[in-house]
N, C-alpha and C. Protein backbone atom coordinates (compact mmCIF):
# COMPACT_ATOMS: atom_id res chain seq x y z
N MET A 1 93.41 79.08 68.84
CA MET A 1 94.28 80.47 69.11
C MET A 1 93.69 81.43 69.97
N ASP A 2 94.42 81.81 70.79
CA ASP A 2 94.16 83.04 71.65
C ASP A 2 93.80 84.23 70.76
N LYS A 3 92.42 84.93 71.28
CA LYS A 3 92.42 86.31 70.62
C LYS A 3 93.30 87.38 71.14
N GLU A 4 93.66 88.16 70.42
CA GLU A 4 94.50 89.34 70.80
C GLU A 4 93.70 90.65 70.91
N ARG A 5 94.04 91.49 71.65
CA ARG A 5 93.52 92.79 71.79
C ARG A 5 94.64 93.96 71.95
N VAL A 6 94.21 94.97 71.34
CA VAL A 6 95.07 96.11 71.28
C VAL A 6 94.65 97.28 72.48
N ILE A 7 95.55 97.31 73.48
CA ILE A 7 94.98 98.36 74.53
C ILE A 7 96.16 99.51 74.36
N THR A 8 95.65 100.50 75.18
CA THR A 8 96.64 101.71 75.23
C THR A 8 96.84 101.75 76.79
N ILE A 9 97.92 101.82 77.25
CA ILE A 9 98.29 102.21 78.68
C ILE A 9 99.22 103.39 78.51
N LYS A 10 99.22 103.82 79.72
CA LYS A 10 99.82 105.34 80.01
C LYS A 10 100.80 104.99 81.28
N ILE A 11 102.16 105.24 81.09
CA ILE A 11 102.91 105.03 82.41
C ILE A 11 103.79 106.27 82.57
N ASN A 12 103.40 106.88 83.66
CA ASN A 12 104.13 108.22 83.96
C ASN A 12 104.30 109.12 82.84
N GLY A 13 103.07 109.27 81.93
CA GLY A 13 102.96 110.33 81.08
C GLY A 13 103.35 109.58 79.42
N PHE A 14 104.09 108.49 79.49
CA PHE A 14 104.35 107.88 78.27
C PHE A 14 103.11 106.89 78.04
N THR A 15 102.58 107.19 76.68
CA THR A 15 101.23 106.23 76.35
C THR A 15 101.91 105.48 75.19
N THR A 16 101.51 104.21 75.22
CA THR A 16 101.76 103.29 74.00
C THR A 16 100.55 102.19 74.12
N LYS A 17 100.72 101.51 72.68
CA LYS A 17 99.67 100.61 72.49
C LYS A 17 100.33 99.32 72.69
N LEU A 18 99.83 98.33 73.20
CA LEU A 18 100.25 96.85 73.39
C LEU A 18 99.16 96.04 72.75
N SER A 19 99.62 94.80 71.86
CA SER A 19 98.92 93.85 71.46
C SER A 19 99.12 92.64 72.44
N ILE A 20 97.91 92.29 73.09
CA ILE A 20 98.20 91.32 74.26
C ILE A 20 97.01 90.26 74.18
N PRO A 21 97.22 89.11 74.75
CA PRO A 21 96.14 88.24 74.66
C PRO A 21 94.87 88.71 75.50
N GLU A 22 93.68 88.59 74.81
CA GLU A 22 92.71 88.99 75.43
C GLU A 22 92.37 88.84 76.83
N GLU A 23 92.56 87.50 77.27
CA GLU A 23 92.16 87.09 78.50
C GLU A 23 93.19 87.73 79.67
N GLN A 24 94.06 88.36 79.35
CA GLN A 24 95.31 88.95 80.01
C GLN A 24 94.99 90.49 80.34
N GLU A 25 93.91 91.03 79.56
CA GLU A 25 93.84 92.58 79.64
C GLU A 25 93.78 93.16 81.18
N GLU A 26 93.04 92.38 81.74
CA GLU A 26 93.20 93.09 83.30
C GLU A 26 94.61 93.07 83.92
N VAL A 27 95.16 91.87 83.67
CA VAL A 27 96.69 91.87 84.44
C VAL A 27 97.33 93.03 83.81
N TYR A 28 97.33 93.30 82.47
CA TYR A 28 98.20 94.36 81.99
C TYR A 28 97.87 95.70 82.42
N ARG A 29 96.46 95.82 82.54
CA ARG A 29 96.16 97.25 83.14
C ARG A 29 96.29 97.25 84.46
N THR A 30 96.27 96.24 85.44
CA THR A 30 96.47 96.33 86.79
C THR A 30 98.18 96.45 86.86
N ALA A 31 98.94 95.93 86.11
CA ALA A 31 100.54 96.26 86.29
C ALA A 31 100.86 97.49 86.01
N ALA A 32 100.10 98.07 84.85
CA ALA A 32 100.51 99.62 84.69
C ALA A 32 99.88 100.52 85.77
N LYS A 33 98.81 100.15 86.38
CA LYS A 33 98.33 100.88 87.64
C LYS A 33 99.38 100.75 88.87
N ILE A 34 99.81 99.54 89.17
CA ILE A 34 100.85 99.47 90.17
C ILE A 34 102.17 99.98 89.68
N LEU A 35 102.46 99.95 88.64
CA LEU A 35 103.85 100.75 88.40
C LEU A 35 103.54 102.40 88.49
N ASN A 36 102.52 102.98 88.05
CA ASN A 36 102.39 104.20 88.11
C ASN A 36 102.37 104.74 89.58
N GLU A 37 101.53 103.80 90.57
CA GLU A 37 101.47 104.03 91.90
C GLU A 37 102.89 104.22 92.56
N ARG A 38 103.63 103.23 92.09
CA ARG A 38 105.08 103.12 92.72
C ARG A 38 106.02 104.39 92.36
N ILE A 39 105.88 104.63 90.96
CA ILE A 39 106.65 105.67 90.36
C ILE A 39 106.28 107.03 91.27
N SER A 40 104.94 107.26 91.39
CA SER A 40 104.39 108.34 92.11
C SER A 40 105.11 108.36 93.54
N VAL A 41 105.20 107.16 94.26
CA VAL A 41 105.54 107.25 95.72
C VAL A 41 106.98 107.67 95.63
N TYR A 42 107.77 107.08 94.82
CA TYR A 42 109.12 107.26 94.70
C TYR A 42 109.46 108.89 94.51
N ASN A 43 108.76 109.25 93.34
CA ASN A 43 108.83 110.65 92.93
C ASN A 43 108.56 111.69 94.21
N GLN A 44 107.69 111.39 95.05
CA GLN A 44 107.36 112.07 96.24
C GLN A 44 108.61 111.92 97.26
N LYS A 45 108.91 110.65 97.47
CA LYS A 45 109.99 110.41 98.54
C LYS A 45 111.21 111.06 98.11
N PHE A 46 111.76 110.78 96.91
CA PHE A 46 113.20 111.36 96.63
C PHE A 46 113.07 112.48 95.44
N SER A 47 113.86 113.16 95.32
CA SER A 47 114.18 113.95 94.37
C SER A 47 115.35 113.49 93.49
N LEU A 48 114.98 112.55 92.58
CA LEU A 48 115.94 112.05 91.77
C LEU A 48 115.73 112.03 90.20
N PRO A 49 116.66 111.75 89.30
CA PRO A 49 116.15 111.69 87.95
C PRO A 49 115.26 110.63 87.67
N TYR A 50 114.41 110.62 86.61
CA TYR A 50 113.36 109.62 86.26
C TYR A 50 114.06 108.20 86.13
N SER A 51 115.13 108.30 85.37
CA SER A 51 115.81 107.03 85.23
C SER A 51 116.12 106.30 86.46
N ASP A 52 116.39 106.87 87.37
CA ASP A 52 116.92 106.44 88.71
C ASP A 52 115.58 106.06 89.50
N ILE A 53 114.59 106.72 89.56
CA ILE A 53 113.32 106.29 89.96
C ILE A 53 112.89 104.96 89.40
N LEU A 54 112.81 104.74 87.88
CA LEU A 54 112.47 103.63 87.27
C LEU A 54 113.33 102.49 87.56
N SER A 55 114.57 102.87 87.99
CA SER A 55 115.36 101.65 88.50
C SER A 55 115.18 101.22 89.57
N MET A 56 114.72 102.13 90.77
CA MET A 56 114.46 101.66 91.93
C MET A 56 113.07 100.83 91.88
N VAL A 57 112.18 101.35 91.10
CA VAL A 57 110.87 100.59 91.12
C VAL A 57 111.19 99.29 90.25
N ALA A 58 111.79 99.34 89.58
CA ALA A 58 112.02 97.90 88.76
C ALA A 58 112.71 96.85 89.63
N TYR A 59 113.80 97.36 90.49
CA TYR A 59 114.28 96.64 91.48
C TYR A 59 113.57 96.06 92.46
N GLU A 60 112.54 97.03 93.00
CA GLU A 60 111.59 96.59 93.89
C GLU A 60 110.68 95.50 93.48
N MET A 61 110.20 95.70 92.04
CA MET A 61 109.39 94.80 91.49
C MET A 61 110.04 93.38 91.36
N ALA A 62 111.33 93.54 90.96
CA ALA A 62 112.12 92.27 90.74
C ALA A 62 112.39 91.39 92.00
N VAL A 63 112.49 92.09 93.17
CA VAL A 63 112.80 91.44 94.26
C VAL A 63 111.39 90.75 94.82
N GLU A 64 110.22 91.44 94.61
CA GLU A 64 108.80 90.90 94.85
C GLU A 64 108.66 89.61 94.01
N ALA A 65 109.17 89.73 92.60
CA ALA A 65 108.77 88.41 91.69
C ALA A 65 109.91 87.47 92.08
N ALA A 66 111.09 87.63 92.71
CA ALA A 66 111.96 86.61 92.75
C ALA A 66 111.51 85.87 94.11
N THR A 67 110.95 86.73 95.24
CA THR A 67 110.41 86.18 96.40
C THR A 67 109.15 85.42 96.07
N LEU A 68 108.35 85.64 95.14
CA LEU A 68 107.12 84.79 94.73
C LEU A 68 107.57 83.60 94.18
N ASP A 69 108.66 83.88 93.18
CA ASP A 69 109.18 82.41 92.37
C ASP A 69 109.81 81.48 93.40
N SER A 70 110.55 82.08 94.36
CA SER A 70 111.22 81.20 95.43
C SER A 70 110.16 80.53 96.26
N GLN A 71 109.14 81.15 96.65
CA GLN A 71 108.06 80.76 97.49
C GLN A 71 107.29 79.48 96.77
N TYR A 72 107.18 79.90 95.37
CA TYR A 72 106.15 78.94 94.42
C TYR A 72 107.12 77.69 94.31
N HIS A 73 108.30 77.86 94.02
CA HIS A 73 109.21 76.67 93.87
C HIS A 73 109.54 75.85 94.88
N SER A 74 109.70 76.54 96.36
CA SER A 74 110.02 75.67 97.45
C SER A 74 108.99 75.28 98.00
N THR A 75 107.72 75.52 97.91
CA THR A 75 106.66 75.12 98.74
C THR A 75 106.36 73.53 98.18
N PRO A 76 106.20 73.15 96.93
CA PRO A 76 106.26 71.79 96.44
C PRO A 76 107.31 71.04 97.08
N LEU A 77 108.59 71.32 97.20
CA LEU A 77 109.62 70.60 97.85
C LEU A 77 109.33 70.36 99.15
N SER A 78 109.00 71.58 99.98
CA SER A 78 108.93 71.33 101.31
C SER A 78 107.57 70.29 101.69
N GLU A 79 106.49 70.36 100.88
CA GLU A 79 105.47 69.62 100.97
C GLU A 79 105.98 68.08 100.78
N MET A 80 107.01 67.93 99.72
CA MET A 80 107.27 66.57 99.34
C MET A 80 108.11 66.03 100.56
N ALA A 81 109.05 66.88 101.06
CA ALA A 81 109.89 66.54 102.34
C ALA A 81 109.07 65.90 103.57
N LYS A 82 108.00 66.66 103.62
CA LYS A 82 106.95 66.26 104.88
C LYS A 82 106.28 64.91 104.60
N LEU A 83 105.95 64.69 103.29
CA LEU A 83 105.28 63.48 102.82
C LEU A 83 106.42 62.51 102.91
N SER A 84 107.43 62.64 102.58
CA SER A 84 108.39 61.63 102.71
C SER A 84 108.66 61.27 104.14
N ASP A 85 108.81 62.29 104.87
CA ASP A 85 109.05 61.90 106.33
C ASP A 85 108.04 61.14 106.97
N LEU A 86 106.68 61.57 106.57
CA LEU A 86 105.61 60.84 107.14
C LEU A 86 105.55 59.18 106.51
N LEU A 87 105.92 59.34 105.34
CA LEU A 87 105.96 57.71 104.50
C LEU A 87 107.14 57.02 105.62
N GLY A 88 108.28 57.63 105.73
CA GLY A 88 109.23 56.85 106.29
C GLY A 88 109.06 56.45 107.76
N GLN A 89 108.24 57.47 108.41
CA GLN A 89 107.61 56.96 109.82
C GLN A 89 106.66 55.88 109.70
N GLU A 90 105.76 55.85 108.80
CA GLU A 90 105.02 54.78 108.57
C GLU A 90 105.68 53.42 108.22
N LEU A 91 106.64 53.42 107.34
CA LEU A 91 107.49 52.26 107.04
C LEU A 91 108.21 51.74 108.29
N ASP A 92 108.68 52.58 109.03
CA ASP A 92 109.44 52.37 110.26
C ASP A 92 108.60 51.52 111.33
N GLU A 93 107.50 52.07 111.34
CA GLU A 93 106.53 51.50 112.47
C GLU A 93 106.41 49.98 112.34
N PRO A 94 106.34 49.13 113.16
CA PRO A 94 106.00 47.84 113.23
C PRO A 94 104.44 47.66 112.98
N ASP A 95 104.07 46.69 111.98
CA ASP A 95 102.73 46.59 111.80
C ASP A 95 102.11 45.88 112.64
N ASN A 96 100.87 46.50 113.38
CA ASN A 96 100.41 45.87 114.47
C ASN A 96 99.49 44.49 113.94
N ASN A 97 99.24 44.69 112.60
CA ASN A 97 98.28 43.36 112.44
C ASN A 97 99.32 42.21 112.03
N GLU A 98 100.66 42.21 111.94
CA GLU A 98 101.45 41.05 111.78
C GLU A 98 101.66 40.22 113.26
N GLU A 99 101.52 38.98 112.95
CA GLU A 99 101.88 38.35 114.47
C GLU A 99 102.79 37.18 114.17
């Protein structure tokens, strides 16, 4: 069973404790850092309510996640298509060893 660890993260002044898998601690801390950085950038660029800033940051991160998901799922399919084409070419070529 995976060990759990309680960490404290702070996002734009909001502090909370999370119980996470121990091996994922760095990922959770990095995610909080990225989120804080993006909130800061949007706060500097736009004079909007905090809820709107969070919506914009969430949307930006969702687009990134969808893009990565799309790339992850399409890469094996495109590689399979290339292999299928190569196999088809090999099967279509006459065997030089046959007489």
